[in-house]
Amino acid sequence: MSAAEKRRLVTFVAVSSLLVAAAILSSRLGPTVTPDGVGPAPARPDPALALATRVRAGLRLSARHFLAAYLRYEVGEDGPAVRRRLRAAATPRFAALLLDNPARSAGGRDLGPARVRSLELSVYPADPRHAFVGGAARRGTRTERFSFEFAYTAAGWRASGVTE
C-alpha cells in the first residue's frame, strides 16, 4: 500500500467516524426541523408543567363546584340539593362540620345569587396534595372575601377547611 493510499484510508476512516458520531448525537437531540421539513421542531412539552396545569385545572373546577353550593348555603339555602352538593365537594369531615352548624339566616330577605369575581389558587409547595383557594364573590352590591383549604383525595380535590 502506497503512502497516498494510506492517507486516503486514514481520511476515509476519520470522516466516517465523524459522520457516525454526528448521527448518534443528532438522534439523541431529536429532530431540528418539523416532520414536513419546514421551520424548527416544536419544543418538547415539559411533563412537570403539563402536570401542574392539570392539577390547577382540577383544583379550579372543584373550587367552583364547592363555592356554587357554599355561597347558597351560607345565606340559608339548605335544601337537599345544596346539602348534597356540599357533601360531594368537601371532605366528609368538613362537610359534616358545615352541615352540623346552621347557615346564617337572611332574615327572610332574598340576598340574591352570589357570583365569584376572583379566584386565586395556591398549591402548597411542601405538599402538593394541599392547596389554598381564596377570592371574592359579589352578591348584589356587596363583595364577600373567602378563603378555603383544599385537599387532594382519592375522589379528587375537595374543600377541607376554612383559612384566614
N, C-alpha and C. Protein backbone atom coordinates (compact mmCIF):
# COMPACT_ATOMS: atom_id res chain seq x y z
N MET A 1 0.85 -1.16 0.00
CA MET A 1 0.00 0.00 0.00
C MET A 1 0.90 1.23 0.00
N SER A 2 0.61 2.12 -0.90
CA SER A 2 1.43 3.32 -1.03
C SER A 2 1.04 4.32 0.05
N ALA A 3 1.87 5.34 0.20
CA ALA A 3 1.62 6.37 1.21
C ALA A 3 0.34 7.14 0.87
N ALA A 4 0.06 7.37 -0.39
CA ALA A 4 -1.15 8.09 -0.80
C ALA A 4 -2.39 7.27 -0.46
N GLU A 5 -2.32 5.96 -0.70
CA GLU A 5 -3.47 5.09 -0.39
C GLU A 5 -3.71 5.05 1.12
N LYS A 6 -2.64 5.02 1.92
CA LYS A 6 -2.78 5.01 3.38
C LYS A 6 -3.45 6.30 3.85
N ARG A 7 -3.02 7.47 3.26
CA ARG A 7 -3.63 8.74 3.65
C ARG A 7 -5.12 8.75 3.31
N ARG A 8 -5.48 8.23 2.15
CA ARG A 8 -6.89 8.17 1.77
C ARG A 8 -7.67 7.27 2.72
N LEU A 9 -7.10 6.13 3.10
CA LEU A 9 -7.77 5.20 4.01
C LEU A 9 -7.95 5.85 5.38
N VAL A 10 -6.92 6.50 5.89
CA VAL A 10 -7.00 7.17 7.19
C VAL A 10 -8.04 8.30 7.12
N THR A 11 -8.05 9.07 6.05
CA THR A 11 -9.03 10.14 5.88
C THR A 11 -10.43 9.58 5.83
N PHE A 12 -10.61 8.48 5.08
CA PHE A 12 -11.93 7.84 4.98
C PHE A 12 -12.41 7.37 6.36
N VAL A 13 -11.55 6.72 7.12
CA VAL A 13 -11.92 6.22 8.45
C VAL A 13 -12.26 7.40 9.38
N ALA A 14 -11.48 8.48 9.33
CA ALA A 14 -11.72 9.64 10.20
C ALA A 14 -13.04 10.30 9.85
N VAL A 15 -13.32 10.52 8.56
CA VAL A 15 -14.56 11.15 8.14
C VAL A 15 -15.75 10.25 8.49
N SER A 16 -15.61 8.95 8.28
CA SER A 16 -16.69 8.01 8.62
C SER A 16 -16.98 8.04 10.12
N SER A 17 -15.94 8.10 10.93
CA SER A 17 -16.12 8.14 12.39
C SER A 17 -16.84 9.43 12.80
N LEU A 18 -16.47 10.56 12.19
CA LEU A 18 -17.14 11.82 12.50
C LEU A 18 -18.61 11.79 12.08
N LEU A 19 -18.92 11.20 10.93
CA LEU A 19 -20.30 11.10 10.49
C LEU A 19 -21.13 10.23 11.42
N VAL A 20 -20.56 9.13 11.89
CA VAL A 20 -21.27 8.24 12.83
C VAL A 20 -21.51 8.98 14.14
N ALA A 21 -20.51 9.69 14.64
CA ALA A 21 -20.67 10.45 15.90
C ALA A 21 -21.74 11.52 15.74
N ALA A 22 -21.76 12.21 14.60
CA ALA A 22 -22.78 13.24 14.37
C ALA A 22 -24.17 12.62 14.31
N ALA A 23 -24.30 11.47 13.70
CA ALA A 23 -25.60 10.80 13.61
C ALA A 23 -26.09 10.38 14.99
N ILE A 24 -25.20 9.86 15.82
CA ILE A 24 -25.58 9.45 17.18
C ILE A 24 -26.02 10.67 17.99
N LEU A 25 -25.25 11.73 17.92
CA LEU A 25 -25.60 12.96 18.64
C LEU A 25 -26.93 13.52 18.16
N SER A 26 -27.14 13.55 16.87
CA SER A 26 -28.38 14.07 16.31
C SER A 26 -29.59 13.24 16.75
N SER A 27 -29.43 11.92 16.81
CA SER A 27 -30.56 11.08 17.21
C SER A 27 -30.92 11.28 18.67
N ARG A 28 -29.95 11.59 19.50
CA ARG A 28 -30.24 11.83 20.92
C ARG A 28 -30.86 13.20 21.15
N LEU A 29 -30.55 14.18 20.33
CA LEU A 29 -31.11 15.52 20.48
C LEU A 29 -32.47 15.65 19.84
N GLY A 30 -32.82 14.75 18.95
CA GLY A 30 -34.12 14.82 18.29
C GLY A 30 -34.04 15.65 17.03
N PRO A 31 -35.16 15.71 16.31
CA PRO A 31 -35.15 16.44 15.04
C PRO A 31 -35.01 17.94 15.26
N THR A 32 -34.36 18.58 14.31
CA THR A 32 -34.19 20.03 14.41
C THR A 32 -35.17 20.78 13.52
N VAL A 33 -35.94 20.04 12.74
CA VAL A 33 -36.98 20.65 11.92
C VAL A 33 -38.25 19.84 12.08
N THR A 34 -39.36 20.43 11.70
CA THR A 34 -40.64 19.73 11.79
C THR A 34 -40.64 18.57 10.80
N PRO A 35 -41.52 17.59 10.99
CA PRO A 35 -41.55 16.43 10.09
C PRO A 35 -41.72 16.81 8.61
N ASP A 36 -42.39 17.94 8.33
CA ASP A 36 -42.57 18.32 6.94
C ASP A 36 -41.36 19.10 6.41
N GLY A 37 -40.33 19.28 7.24
CA GLY A 37 -39.10 19.91 6.80
C GLY A 37 -39.13 21.42 6.81
N VAL A 38 -40.16 22.02 7.35
CA VAL A 38 -40.27 23.48 7.35
C VAL A 38 -40.22 23.99 8.78
N GLY A 39 -39.28 24.86 9.05
CA GLY A 39 -39.22 25.51 10.35
C GLY A 39 -38.63 24.64 11.44
N PRO A 40 -38.43 25.23 12.60
CA PRO A 40 -37.84 24.48 13.72
C PRO A 40 -38.85 23.49 14.31
N ALA A 41 -38.32 22.44 14.89
CA ALA A 41 -39.18 21.44 15.53
C ALA A 41 -39.85 22.07 16.74
N PRO A 42 -41.08 21.68 17.03
CA PRO A 42 -41.76 22.22 18.22
C PRO A 42 -41.03 21.77 19.48
N ALA A 43 -41.07 22.63 20.49
CA ALA A 43 -40.42 22.29 21.77
C ALA A 43 -41.13 21.11 22.39
N ARG A 44 -40.36 20.27 23.02
CA ARG A 44 -40.95 19.12 23.70
C ARG A 44 -41.69 19.62 24.94
N PRO A 45 -42.90 19.09 25.20
CA PRO A 45 -43.65 19.57 26.37
C PRO A 45 -42.93 19.19 27.66
N ASP A 46 -43.00 20.07 28.61
CA ASP A 46 -42.41 19.84 29.92
C ASP A 46 -43.41 19.04 30.74
N PRO A 47 -43.09 17.78 31.11
CA PRO A 47 -44.05 16.96 31.86
C PRO A 47 -44.47 17.58 33.18
N ALA A 48 -43.55 18.25 33.87
CA ALA A 48 -43.91 18.87 35.16
C ALA A 48 -44.89 20.01 34.94
N LEU A 49 -44.69 20.79 33.88
CA LEU A 49 -45.60 21.88 33.58
C LEU A 49 -46.97 21.35 33.18
N ALA A 50 -47.00 20.28 32.39
CA ALA A 50 -48.27 19.68 31.99
C ALA A 50 -49.03 19.16 33.22
N LEU A 51 -48.32 18.52 34.14
CA LEU A 51 -48.96 18.02 35.36
C LEU A 51 -49.49 19.18 36.20
N ALA A 52 -48.68 20.22 36.37
CA ALA A 52 -49.12 21.38 37.16
C ALA A 52 -50.36 22.03 36.54
N THR A 53 -50.41 22.08 35.22
CA THR A 53 -51.57 22.67 34.54
C THR A 53 -52.82 21.83 34.80
N ARG A 54 -52.69 20.51 34.74
CA ARG A 54 -53.84 19.63 35.00
C ARG A 54 -54.28 19.73 36.46
N VAL A 55 -53.32 19.80 37.37
CA VAL A 55 -53.64 19.92 38.80
C VAL A 55 -54.41 21.21 39.06
N ARG A 56 -53.94 22.32 38.52
CA ARG A 56 -54.60 23.61 38.73
C ARG A 56 -55.99 23.63 38.10
N ALA A 57 -56.13 23.01 36.91
CA ALA A 57 -57.44 22.96 36.25
C ALA A 57 -58.43 22.16 37.10
N GLY A 58 -57.99 21.03 37.64
CA GLY A 58 -58.86 20.22 38.50
C GLY A 58 -59.21 20.94 39.78
N LEU A 59 -58.24 21.64 40.36
CA LEU A 59 -58.49 22.41 41.58
C LEU A 59 -59.47 23.53 41.31
N ARG A 60 -59.30 24.25 40.21
CA ARG A 60 -60.20 25.36 39.86
C ARG A 60 -61.64 24.85 39.70
N LEU A 61 -61.81 23.74 39.00
CA LEU A 61 -63.15 23.18 38.79
C LEU A 61 -63.78 22.75 40.12
N SER A 62 -63.01 22.07 40.96
CA SER A 62 -63.53 21.64 42.26
C SER A 62 -63.88 22.84 43.14
N ALA A 63 -63.05 23.87 43.10
CA ALA A 63 -63.33 25.07 43.90
C ALA A 63 -64.63 25.72 43.43
N ARG A 64 -64.84 25.80 42.15
CA ARG A 64 -66.07 26.41 41.63
C ARG A 64 -67.30 25.59 42.03
N HIS A 65 -67.19 24.26 41.99
CA HIS A 65 -68.32 23.41 42.41
C HIS A 65 -68.64 23.62 43.89
N PHE A 66 -67.58 23.66 44.72
CA PHE A 66 -67.79 23.87 46.14
C PHE A 66 -68.41 25.25 46.40
N LEU A 67 -67.85 26.28 45.78
CA LEU A 67 -68.35 27.64 46.01
C LEU A 67 -69.78 27.81 45.55
N ALA A 68 -70.16 27.13 44.47
CA ALA A 68 -71.55 27.23 44.00
C ALA A 68 -72.52 26.76 45.08
N ALA A 69 -72.16 25.70 45.80
CA ALA A 69 -73.02 25.21 46.88
C ALA A 69 -72.86 26.05 48.15
N TYR A 70 -71.60 26.37 48.50
CA TYR A 70 -71.35 27.08 49.74
C TYR A 70 -71.98 28.47 49.75
N LEU A 71 -71.87 29.20 48.66
CA LEU A 71 -72.40 30.56 48.61
C LEU A 71 -73.92 30.58 48.72
N ARG A 72 -74.55 29.48 48.39
CA ARG A 72 -76.00 29.38 48.60
C ARG A 72 -76.29 28.98 50.05
N TYR A 73 -75.52 28.02 50.56
CA TYR A 73 -75.73 27.51 51.92
C TYR A 73 -75.53 28.60 52.97
N GLU A 74 -74.52 29.43 52.77
CA GLU A 74 -74.18 30.42 53.80
C GLU A 74 -75.28 31.46 54.03
N VAL A 75 -76.22 31.60 53.12
CA VAL A 75 -77.31 32.57 53.30
C VAL A 75 -78.64 31.87 53.57
N GLY A 76 -78.57 30.63 54.02
CA GLY A 76 -79.78 29.97 54.46
C GLY A 76 -80.40 28.97 53.50
N GLU A 77 -79.88 28.82 52.32
CA GLU A 77 -80.41 27.80 51.40
C GLU A 77 -79.79 26.47 51.80
N ASP A 78 -80.56 25.67 52.51
CA ASP A 78 -80.01 24.40 52.98
C ASP A 78 -80.88 23.21 52.58
N GLY A 79 -81.47 23.30 51.42
CA GLY A 79 -82.29 22.20 50.91
C GLY A 79 -81.45 20.99 50.56
N PRO A 80 -82.09 19.89 50.23
CA PRO A 80 -81.37 18.64 49.94
C PRO A 80 -80.36 18.77 48.80
N ALA A 81 -80.68 19.52 47.77
CA ALA A 81 -79.74 19.65 46.64
C ALA A 81 -78.46 20.37 47.06
N VAL A 82 -78.59 21.44 47.84
CA VAL A 82 -77.41 22.18 48.30
C VAL A 82 -76.59 21.32 49.24
N ARG A 83 -77.24 20.61 50.14
CA ARG A 83 -76.54 19.75 51.09
C ARG A 83 -75.79 18.63 50.36
N ARG A 84 -76.43 18.08 49.35
CA ARG A 84 -75.80 17.00 48.55
C ARG A 84 -74.56 17.55 47.83
N ARG A 85 -74.67 18.74 47.29
CA ARG A 85 -73.53 19.34 46.58
C ARG A 85 -72.37 19.66 47.53
N LEU A 86 -72.71 20.12 48.73
CA LEU A 86 -71.66 20.38 49.72
C LEU A 86 -70.94 19.08 50.10
N ARG A 87 -71.70 18.03 50.32
CA ARG A 87 -71.09 16.73 50.66
C ARG A 87 -70.19 16.23 49.54
N ALA A 88 -70.60 16.46 48.30
CA ALA A 88 -69.82 15.98 47.15
C ALA A 88 -68.55 16.81 46.93
N ALA A 89 -68.57 18.07 47.33
CA ALA A 89 -67.45 18.97 47.03
C ALA A 89 -66.49 19.16 48.20
N ALA A 90 -66.83 18.63 49.37
CA ALA A 90 -65.98 18.80 50.56
C ALA A 90 -65.57 17.43 51.10
N THR A 91 -64.51 17.42 51.90
CA THR A 91 -64.14 16.18 52.57
C THR A 91 -65.27 15.83 53.54
N PRO A 92 -65.44 14.56 53.87
CA PRO A 92 -66.52 14.18 54.79
C PRO A 92 -66.48 14.96 56.11
N ARG A 93 -65.30 15.17 56.65
CA ARG A 93 -65.17 15.87 57.94
C ARG A 93 -65.62 17.33 57.82
N PHE A 94 -65.15 18.01 56.76
CA PHE A 94 -65.51 19.42 56.59
C PHE A 94 -66.99 19.56 56.24
N ALA A 95 -67.51 18.67 55.42
CA ALA A 95 -68.94 18.72 55.08
C ALA A 95 -69.78 18.54 56.34
N ALA A 96 -69.41 17.60 57.21
CA ALA A 96 -70.15 17.38 58.45
C ALA A 96 -70.08 18.63 59.34
N LEU A 97 -68.91 19.24 59.41
CA LEU A 97 -68.76 20.46 60.21
C LEU A 97 -69.66 21.57 59.68
N LEU A 98 -69.68 21.76 58.38
CA LEU A 98 -70.55 22.80 57.80
C LEU A 98 -72.02 22.49 58.04
N LEU A 99 -72.41 21.26 57.76
CA LEU A 99 -73.83 20.91 57.82
C LEU A 99 -74.36 20.77 59.25
N ASP A 100 -73.46 20.57 60.21
CA ASP A 100 -73.89 20.50 61.61
C ASP A 100 -74.10 21.89 62.22
N ASN A 101 -73.59 22.90 61.56
CA ASN A 101 -73.77 24.28 62.02
C ASN A 101 -74.74 24.97 61.07
N PRO A 102 -75.85 25.43 61.60
CA PRO A 102 -76.85 26.03 60.71
C PRO A 102 -76.29 27.23 59.96
N ALA A 103 -76.72 27.36 58.74
CA ALA A 103 -76.32 28.51 57.93
C ALA A 103 -76.92 29.77 58.53
N ARG A 104 -76.29 30.91 58.29
CA ARG A 104 -76.83 32.15 58.84
C ARG A 104 -78.16 32.47 58.15
N SER A 105 -79.02 33.07 58.87
CA SER A 105 -80.33 33.41 58.33
C SER A 105 -80.26 34.72 57.58
N ALA A 106 -80.97 34.78 56.49
CA ALA A 106 -81.04 36.02 55.72
C ALA A 106 -82.15 36.91 56.24
N GLY A 107 -82.79 36.53 57.33
CA GLY A 107 -83.85 37.34 57.92
C GLY A 107 -85.05 37.49 57.01
N GLY A 108 -85.32 36.45 56.23
CA GLY A 108 -86.47 36.50 55.33
C GLY A 108 -86.21 37.28 54.05
N ARG A 109 -85.04 37.89 53.95
CA ARG A 109 -84.73 38.65 52.73
C ARG A 109 -84.08 37.73 51.70
N ASP A 110 -84.32 38.01 50.46
CA ASP A 110 -83.64 37.29 49.39
C ASP A 110 -82.38 38.08 49.05
N LEU A 111 -81.23 37.52 49.41
CA LEU A 111 -79.98 38.24 49.17
C LEU A 111 -79.51 38.11 47.73
N GLY A 112 -80.16 37.28 46.95
CA GLY A 112 -79.78 37.11 45.55
C GLY A 112 -78.58 36.20 45.40
N PRO A 113 -78.32 35.83 44.18
CA PRO A 113 -77.20 34.91 43.94
C PRO A 113 -75.86 35.62 44.09
N ALA A 114 -74.88 34.87 44.51
CA ALA A 114 -73.52 35.39 44.59
C ALA A 114 -72.76 34.90 43.36
N ARG A 115 -71.92 35.76 42.84
CA ARG A 115 -71.10 35.40 41.69
C ARG A 115 -69.63 35.54 42.07
N VAL A 116 -68.85 34.51 41.78
CA VAL A 116 -67.42 34.55 42.06
C VAL A 116 -66.80 35.56 41.10
N ARG A 117 -66.10 36.53 41.68
CA ARG A 117 -65.46 37.58 40.88
C ARG A 117 -63.97 37.36 40.72
N SER A 118 -63.35 36.75 41.71
CA SER A 118 -61.92 36.44 41.60
C SER A 118 -61.65 35.13 42.32
N LEU A 119 -60.69 34.40 41.81
CA LEU A 119 -60.36 33.10 42.37
C LEU A 119 -58.84 32.93 42.28
N GLU A 120 -58.19 32.82 43.44
CA GLU A 120 -56.75 32.63 43.48
C GLU A 120 -56.46 31.24 44.00
N LEU A 121 -55.62 30.50 43.28
CA LEU A 121 -55.27 29.14 43.66
C LEU A 121 -53.80 29.10 44.03
N SER A 122 -53.50 28.41 45.10
CA SER A 122 -52.11 28.28 45.53
C SER A 122 -51.90 26.88 46.08
N VAL A 123 -51.14 26.07 45.33
CA VAL A 123 -50.82 24.72 45.80
C VAL A 123 -49.68 24.85 46.79
N TYR A 124 -49.82 24.19 47.93
CA TYR A 124 -48.82 24.27 49.00
C TYR A 124 -47.53 23.62 48.51
N PRO A 125 -46.41 24.35 48.46
CA PRO A 125 -45.18 23.81 47.87
C PRO A 125 -44.64 22.58 48.58
N ALA A 126 -44.74 22.52 49.90
CA ALA A 126 -44.20 21.39 50.64
C ALA A 126 -45.05 20.14 50.50
N ASP A 127 -46.30 20.29 50.14
CA ASP A 127 -47.19 19.14 49.98
C ASP A 127 -48.20 19.45 48.88
N PRO A 128 -47.94 19.01 47.65
CA PRO A 128 -48.82 19.36 46.52
C PRO A 128 -50.22 18.76 46.60
N ARG A 129 -50.51 18.02 47.68
CA ARG A 129 -51.87 17.49 47.86
C ARG A 129 -52.73 18.46 48.67
N HIS A 130 -52.17 19.60 49.03
CA HIS A 130 -52.91 20.63 49.77
C HIS A 130 -52.81 21.96 49.03
N ALA A 131 -53.91 22.68 49.01
CA ALA A 131 -53.94 23.95 48.30
C ALA A 131 -54.83 24.94 49.04
N PHE A 132 -54.63 26.19 48.72
CA PHE A 132 -55.45 27.26 49.27
C PHE A 132 -56.19 27.92 48.13
N VAL A 133 -57.45 28.18 48.35
CA VAL A 133 -58.29 28.85 47.36
C VAL A 133 -58.88 30.08 48.03
N GLY A 134 -58.61 31.21 47.48
CA GLY A 134 -59.15 32.45 48.03
C GLY A 134 -59.74 33.28 46.91
N GLY A 135 -60.46 34.28 47.29
CA GLY A 135 -61.02 35.15 46.28
C GLY A 135 -62.15 35.99 46.82
N ALA A 136 -62.98 36.43 45.89
CA ALA A 136 -64.10 37.30 46.27
C ALA A 136 -65.32 36.93 45.44
N ALA A 137 -66.48 37.08 46.09
CA ALA A 137 -67.76 36.88 45.41
C ALA A 137 -68.57 38.15 45.61
N ARG A 138 -69.39 38.43 44.67
CA ARG A 138 -70.24 39.62 44.74
C ARG A 138 -71.68 39.18 44.82
N ARG A 139 -72.38 39.72 45.81
CA ARG A 139 -73.81 39.45 46.00
C ARG A 139 -74.49 40.80 46.04
N GLY A 140 -75.19 41.13 44.96
CA GLY A 140 -75.78 42.47 44.87
C GLY A 140 -74.68 43.50 44.78
N THR A 141 -74.67 44.42 45.73
CA THR A 141 -73.63 45.46 45.74
C THR A 141 -72.52 45.14 46.74
N ARG A 142 -72.66 44.01 47.43
CA ARG A 142 -71.73 43.63 48.49
C ARG A 142 -70.69 42.63 47.98
N THR A 143 -69.43 42.83 48.32
CA THR A 143 -68.36 41.90 47.98
C THR A 143 -67.98 41.11 49.22
N GLU A 144 -67.89 39.80 49.07
CA GLU A 144 -67.50 38.92 50.17
C GLU A 144 -66.18 38.25 49.82
N ARG A 145 -65.25 38.26 50.76
CA ARG A 145 -63.97 37.55 50.58
C ARG A 145 -64.14 36.14 51.14
N PHE A 146 -63.44 35.20 50.57
CA PHE A 146 -63.45 33.82 51.08
C PHE A 146 -62.06 33.23 50.97
N SER A 147 -61.79 32.23 51.80
CA SER A 147 -60.51 31.54 51.79
C SER A 147 -60.72 30.13 52.35
N PHE A 148 -60.41 29.15 51.55
CA PHE A 148 -60.60 27.75 51.94
C PHE A 148 -59.35 26.94 51.66
N GLU A 149 -59.19 25.89 52.45
CA GLU A 149 -58.13 24.92 52.19
C GLU A 149 -58.76 23.77 51.42
N PHE A 150 -58.01 23.22 50.46
CA PHE A 150 -58.46 22.07 49.69
C PHE A 150 -57.43 20.95 49.84
N ALA A 151 -57.91 19.72 49.84
CA ALA A 151 -57.05 18.56 49.93
C ALA A 151 -57.33 17.65 48.74
N TYR A 152 -56.26 17.04 48.22
CA TYR A 152 -56.43 16.11 47.12
C TYR A 152 -56.68 14.73 47.72
N THR A 153 -57.84 14.17 47.44
CA THR A 153 -58.23 12.88 47.99
C THR A 153 -58.36 11.86 46.85
N ALA A 154 -58.74 10.65 47.18
CA ALA A 154 -58.96 9.63 46.15
C ALA A 154 -60.09 10.07 45.20
N ALA A 155 -60.97 10.91 45.67
CA ALA A 155 -62.09 11.41 44.84
C ALA A 155 -61.73 12.70 44.11
N GLY A 156 -60.49 13.19 44.24
CA GLY A 156 -60.08 14.44 43.61
C GLY A 156 -59.97 15.56 44.64
N TRP A 157 -59.90 16.79 44.18
CA TRP A 157 -59.78 17.94 45.08
C TRP A 157 -61.10 18.16 45.82
N ARG A 158 -61.01 18.34 47.15
CA ARG A 158 -62.19 18.60 47.97
C ARG A 158 -61.86 19.69 48.98
N ALA A 159 -62.83 20.56 49.25
CA ALA A 159 -62.66 21.58 50.28
C ALA A 159 -62.48 20.87 51.62
N SER A 160 -61.49 21.33 52.41
CA SER A 160 -61.22 20.62 53.66
C SER A 160 -61.21 21.54 54.88
N GLY A 161 -61.36 22.84 54.68
CA GLY A 161 -61.37 23.73 55.84
C GLY A 161 -61.42 25.18 55.42
N VAL A 162 -61.61 26.03 56.42
CA VAL A 162 -61.64 27.47 56.22
C VAL A 162 -60.27 28.00 56.63
N THR A 163 -59.72 28.92 55.85
CA THR A 163 -58.44 29.54 56.22
C THR A 163 -58.69 31.04 56.42
N GLU A 164 -57.69 31.71 56.91
CA GLU A 164 -57.83 33.16 57.13
C GLU A 164 -56.93 33.91 56.20
